[in-house]
């Protein structure tokens, strides 16, 4: 696989390996991800794409049997350095999961939670402003502004996922990770979230794991194809889908493996 060094890499990974006990889940992954772009991770189930995504905000730290080795940097800073507080790192690297998982709190409190614990607002007015700004960025303000004190769990599935996106961006992260954010949504809600991803890339470095090749083609500028724990190919999305270098990528895209 060609390595194309990138001068403006937001995220840089070198020689990353992940083991779960005796299982070698990720094998020597090297990748540089640019800022203000959407990068899609694609590949068959169990190929390591979500595992690698979770290395970027140290979510794998929560799994006892998991061991991550190699070098992952955000803006040149080693995120696995002993000095790095994973809680602070996760404020900088937001995450949106497969199933919408709002807290059992009001819409307002869902969004205000992160800024409160990280001390990002000095008073109620500042907190109100962060909540409004985050809901606007997540394209949910107009639907939610008159029911901010209602439970977040009362929203529709698509609205709940946009609430989770608002919650993730409320701490003003620089990177937004999305692990199959549309797989539990209907086509209309999926289209709304995809439109939102397009908007979010102007402010964030977005990395999305998706099972849908159509979605990867629609929302991303760069695509990484994972297979059996290895990063097989990483290039401009158009090139990956129309003229891949590796026969395994071609086989996956044309539906012969996966």
Protein backbone atom coordinates (compact mmCIF):
# COMPACT_ATOMS: atom_id res chain seq x y z
CA UNK A 1 0.00 0.00 0.00
CA UNK A 2 1.32 3.45 -0.95
CA UNK A 3 1.98 5.75 1.97
CA UNK A 4 1.13 9.31 1.04
CA UNK A 5 2.58 11.55 3.76
CA UNK A 6 0.26 14.42 4.50
CA UNK A 7 1.51 17.73 5.76
CA UNK A 8 -1.77 18.79 7.35
CA UNK A 9 -2.63 15.47 9.03
CA UNK A 10 -4.95 15.95 11.99
CA UNK A 11 -4.67 12.30 12.99
CA UNK A 12 -1.58 10.27 12.30
CA UNK A 13 -1.26 6.54 13.09
CA UNK A 14 1.92 4.50 12.65
CA UNK A 15 2.40 0.78 13.21
CA UNK A 16 -0.82 0.38 15.23
CA UNK A 17 -1.59 -3.14 16.47
CA UNK A 18 -4.52 -4.14 18.66
CA UNK A 19 -4.81 -7.44 20.54
CA UNK A 20 -7.83 -8.70 22.47
CA UNK A 21 -6.21 -11.35 24.68
CA UNK A 22 -4.86 -13.77 22.01
CA UNK A 23 -6.75 -12.27 19.06
CA UNK A 24 -4.74 -9.99 16.79
CA UNK A 25 -7.55 -7.60 15.75
CA UNK A 26 -5.57 -4.79 14.05
CA UNK A 27 -2.30 -5.40 12.22
CA UNK A 28 0.26 -2.68 11.59
CA UNK A 29 -2.10 0.11 10.52
CA UNK A 30 -0.54 3.30 9.13
CA UNK A 31 -2.79 6.17 8.14
CA UNK A 32 -2.86 9.98 8.06
CA UNK A 33 -6.23 11.72 8.23
CA UNK A 34 -6.64 15.34 7.18
CA UNK A 35 -8.57 18.01 9.06
CA UNK A 36 -11.93 19.33 7.81
CA UNK A 37 -12.61 16.21 5.77
CA UNK A 38 -14.84 13.16 6.09
CA UNK A 39 -12.90 9.90 6.06
CA UNK A 40 -14.89 6.66 5.75
CA UNK A 41 -13.71 3.29 7.09
CA UNK A 42 -15.28 0.45 5.10
CA UNK A 43 -14.85 -3.33 5.04
CA UNK A 44 -16.63 -6.58 5.95
CA UNK A 45 -17.99 -7.21 9.46
CA UNK A 46 -15.24 -8.01 11.93
CA UNK A 47 -12.48 -6.49 9.75
CA UNK A 48 -11.28 -4.12 12.51
CA UNK A 49 -12.69 -0.80 11.33
CA UNK A 50 -14.63 -0.05 14.55
CA UNK A 51 -11.76 -1.33 16.69
CA UNK A 52 -9.39 1.07 14.97
CA UNK A 53 -11.89 3.93 15.27
CA UNK A 54 -12.04 3.33 19.02
CA UNK A 55 -8.25 3.60 19.27
CA UNK A 56 -8.54 7.28 18.27
CA UNK A 57 -10.34 8.25 21.50
CA UNK A 58 -8.97 5.43 23.64
CA UNK A 59 -12.36 3.77 24.05
CA UNK A 60 -10.52 0.43 23.93
CA UNK A 61 -8.95 1.39 27.30
CA UNK A 62 -12.24 0.33 28.88
CA UNK A 63 -11.73 -3.30 27.75
CA UNK A 64 -9.43 -5.21 30.10
CA UNK A 65 -8.15 -7.73 27.57
CA UNK A 66 -7.34 -5.07 24.97
CA UNK A 67 -3.76 -4.01 24.21
CA UNK A 68 -2.98 -1.19 21.80
CA UNK A 69 0.59 -0.67 20.55
CA UNK A 70 2.07 1.70 17.99
CA UNK A 71 1.79 5.45 17.68
CA UNK A 72 -1.38 7.55 17.32
CA UNK A 73 -1.08 11.33 17.30
CA UNK A 74 -3.60 14.14 17.07
CA UNK A 75 -1.97 17.44 16.04
CA UNK A 76 1.39 15.78 16.69
CA UNK A 77 0.54 14.87 20.32
CA UNK A 78 0.86 11.21 21.31
CA UNK A 79 -2.62 10.39 22.66
CA UNK A 80 -1.36 7.26 24.47
CA UNK A 81 1.26 9.24 26.41
CA UNK A 82 0.95 8.64 30.17
CA UNK A 83 0.39 12.39 30.64
CA UNK A 84 -2.78 12.37 28.52
CA UNK A 85 -6.02 12.17 30.49
CA UNK A 86 -8.45 9.98 28.48
CA UNK A 87 -11.41 12.02 29.80
CA UNK A 88 -9.90 15.24 28.42
CA UNK A 89 -9.01 13.44 25.19
CA UNK A 90 -12.65 12.38 24.76
CA UNK A 91 -13.75 16.01 25.10
CA UNK A 92 -11.47 16.77 22.13
CA UNK A 93 -12.49 13.64 20.21
CA UNK A 94 -16.29 13.32 20.20
CA UNK A 95 -17.98 10.00 19.49
CA UNK A 96 -21.38 9.07 18.08
CA UNK A 97 -22.45 5.43 18.35
CA UNK A 98 -24.44 3.05 16.22
CA UNK A 99 -27.65 3.24 18.23
CA UNK A 100 -28.84 6.65 19.42
CA UNK A 101 -28.13 6.66 23.17
CA UNK A 102 -29.40 9.88 24.74
CA UNK A 103 -29.03 10.13 28.51
CA UNK A 104 -32.29 9.70 30.47
CA UNK A 105 -32.36 13.49 30.93
CA UNK A 106 -33.96 16.46 29.22
CA UNK A 107 -32.86 17.53 25.73
CA UNK A 108 -31.18 20.55 27.34
CA UNK A 109 -29.30 18.46 29.93
CA UNK A 110 -28.13 15.96 27.31
CA UNK A 111 -26.29 18.74 25.48
CA UNK A 112 -25.24 20.67 28.61
CA UNK A 113 -23.74 17.61 30.32
CA UNK A 114 -20.28 17.67 28.66
CA UNK A 115 -19.74 21.45 28.86
CA UNK A 116 -20.74 21.30 32.57
CA UNK A 117 -18.31 18.53 33.56
CA UNK A 118 -15.49 20.09 31.54
CA UNK A 119 -16.17 23.57 32.96
CA UNK A 120 -16.71 25.16 29.54
CA UNK A 121 -19.41 27.60 30.69
CA UNK A 122 -19.02 30.16 33.45
CA UNK A 123 -22.73 30.73 33.94
CA UNK A 124 -26.22 29.72 32.82
CA UNK A 125 -26.24 32.23 29.93
CA UNK A 126 -23.04 30.73 28.48
CA UNK A 127 -24.42 27.22 28.92
CA UNK A 128 -27.67 28.25 27.17
CA UNK A 129 -25.59 29.60 24.31
CA UNK A 130 -23.54 26.37 23.96
CA UNK A 131 -26.73 24.27 24.01
CA UNK A 132 -28.40 26.40 21.34
CA UNK A 133 -25.28 26.52 19.15
CA UNK A 134 -24.78 22.74 19.38
CA UNK A 135 -28.43 21.99 18.58
CA UNK A 136 -28.28 24.40 15.63
CA UNK A 137 -25.10 22.72 14.34
CA UNK A 138 -26.84 19.35 14.68
CA UNK A 139 -29.84 20.70 12.72
CA UNK A 140 -32.15 20.03 15.67
CA UNK A 141 -32.77 23.49 17.14
CA UNK A 142 -36.01 24.24 15.30
CA UNK A 143 -37.52 20.90 16.28
CA UNK A 144 -36.32 21.02 19.90
CA UNK A 145 -36.31 24.67 20.98
CA UNK A 146 -39.85 24.55 22.43
CA UNK A 147 -39.30 21.29 24.28
CA UNK A 148 -35.81 21.63 25.74
CA UNK A 149 -36.98 20.37 29.13
CA UNK A 150 -38.68 17.27 27.68
CA UNK A 151 -36.79 13.96 27.86
CA UNK A 152 -34.34 13.32 25.01
CA UNK A 153 -35.65 9.75 24.85
CA UNK A 154 -39.03 11.13 23.67
CA UNK A 155 -37.56 12.20 20.32
CA UNK A 156 -37.76 10.07 17.17
CA UNK A 157 -34.79 7.82 16.31
CA UNK A 158 -33.34 10.26 13.79
CA UNK A 159 -33.80 13.19 16.18
CA UNK A 160 -32.18 11.20 18.99
CA UNK A 161 -29.14 10.55 16.80
CA UNK A 162 -28.91 14.27 15.98
CA UNK A 163 -29.22 14.97 19.72
CA UNK A 164 -26.26 12.61 20.30
CA UNK A 165 -24.32 14.53 17.63
CA UNK A 166 -25.22 17.83 19.38
CA UNK A 167 -24.03 16.29 22.66
CA UNK A 168 -20.76 15.17 21.05
CA UNK A 169 -20.00 18.61 19.57
CA UNK A 170 -21.02 20.58 22.68
CA UNK A 171 -17.54 20.16 24.20
CA UNK A 172 -16.08 21.84 21.08
CA UNK A 173 -14.14 18.77 19.93
CA UNK A 174 -11.76 18.88 16.97
CA UNK A 175 -12.39 15.34 15.82
CA UNK A 176 -15.78 13.62 15.51
CA UNK A 177 -15.86 9.82 15.33
CA UNK A 178 -19.04 8.12 14.11
CA UNK A 179 -19.49 4.37 14.41
CA UNK A 180 -22.19 3.44 11.88
CA UNK A 181 -24.32 6.41 12.95
CA UNK A 182 -27.18 5.60 10.54
CA UNK A 183 -27.47 1.82 10.84
CA UNK A 184 -30.46 2.06 13.21
CA UNK A 185 -32.21 4.82 11.24
CA UNK A 186 -34.80 4.86 8.46
CA UNK A 187 -33.87 6.27 5.01
CA UNK A 188 -35.27 9.77 5.70
CA UNK A 189 -33.41 10.12 9.02
CA UNK A 190 -30.29 8.69 7.34
CA UNK A 191 -30.48 11.36 4.63
CA UNK A 192 -30.79 14.07 7.33
CA UNK A 193 -27.75 12.76 9.22
CA UNK A 194 -25.74 12.51 5.97
CA UNK A 195 -26.62 16.11 5.13
CA UNK A 196 -25.50 17.06 8.61
CA UNK A 197 -22.17 15.21 8.22
CA UNK A 198 -21.57 17.26 5.08
CA UNK A 199 -22.11 20.42 7.11
CA UNK A 200 -19.99 19.25 10.09
CA UNK A 201 -16.87 18.65 8.00
CA UNK A 202 -16.50 22.43 7.65
CA UNK A 203 -15.73 22.57 11.38
CA UNK A 204 -14.42 19.12 12.31
CA UNK A 205 -12.25 16.24 11.20
CA UNK A 206 -14.96 13.56 10.78
CA UNK A 207 -14.20 9.83 10.69
CA UNK A 208 -17.12 7.51 9.97
CA UNK A 209 -17.34 3.73 10.05
CA UNK A 210 -20.05 2.57 7.68
CA UNK A 211 -21.36 -0.71 6.33
CA UNK A 212 -22.91 1.10 3.43
CA UNK A 213 -20.61 1.68 0.50
CA UNK A 214 -23.20 4.03 -0.99
CA UNK A 215 -23.01 6.10 2.18
CA UNK A 216 -19.20 6.17 2.08
CA UNK A 217 -19.37 7.30 -1.54
CA UNK A 218 -21.89 10.03 -0.69
CA UNK A 219 -20.36 11.56 2.43
CA UNK A 220 -16.59 11.05 2.38
CA UNK A 221 -13.60 12.52 0.55
CA UNK A 222 -11.20 9.76 1.66
CA UNK A 223 -11.91 6.06 2.16
CA UNK A 224 -9.92 3.40 4.03
CA UNK A 225 -10.69 -0.24 3.22
CA UNK A 226 -10.03 -2.71 6.05
CA UNK A 227 -9.88 -6.48 5.61
CA UNK A 228 -9.00 -9.11 8.24
CA UNK A 229 -7.49 -6.49 10.57
CA UNK A 230 -5.28 -4.86 7.93
CA UNK A 231 -5.68 -1.52 6.22
CA UNK A 232 -5.59 -2.71 2.60
CA UNK A 233 -6.02 0.59 0.78
CA UNK A 234 -6.51 4.26 1.61
CA UNK A 235 -7.12 6.90 -1.02
CA UNK A 236 -9.54 9.48 -2.39
CA UNK A 237 -13.05 8.05 -2.21
CA UNK A 238 -13.62 8.41 -5.97
CA UNK A 239 -10.47 6.45 -6.71
CA UNK A 240 -11.27 3.67 -4.22
CA UNK A 241 -14.70 3.20 -5.79
CA UNK A 242 -13.77 3.53 -9.45
CA UNK A 243 -10.16 2.43 -9.75
CA UNK A 244 -8.84 0.64 -6.64
CA UNK A 245 -5.22 -0.55 -6.65
CA UNK A 246 -5.71 -3.73 -4.62
CA UNK A 247 -7.72 -6.69 -5.99
CA UNK A 248 -9.21 -7.24 -2.48
CA UNK A 249 -10.67 -3.73 -2.54
CA UNK A 250 -12.09 -4.35 -6.00
CA UNK A 251 -13.62 -7.65 -4.84
CA UNK A 252 -15.27 -6.02 -1.84
CA UNK A 253 -16.63 -3.05 -3.80
CA UNK A 254 -18.03 -5.31 -6.51
CA UNK A 255 -19.64 -7.54 -3.86
CA UNK A 256 -17.46 -10.64 -4.26
CA UNK A 257 -16.18 -10.58 -0.66
CA UNK A 258 -17.85 -9.29 2.49
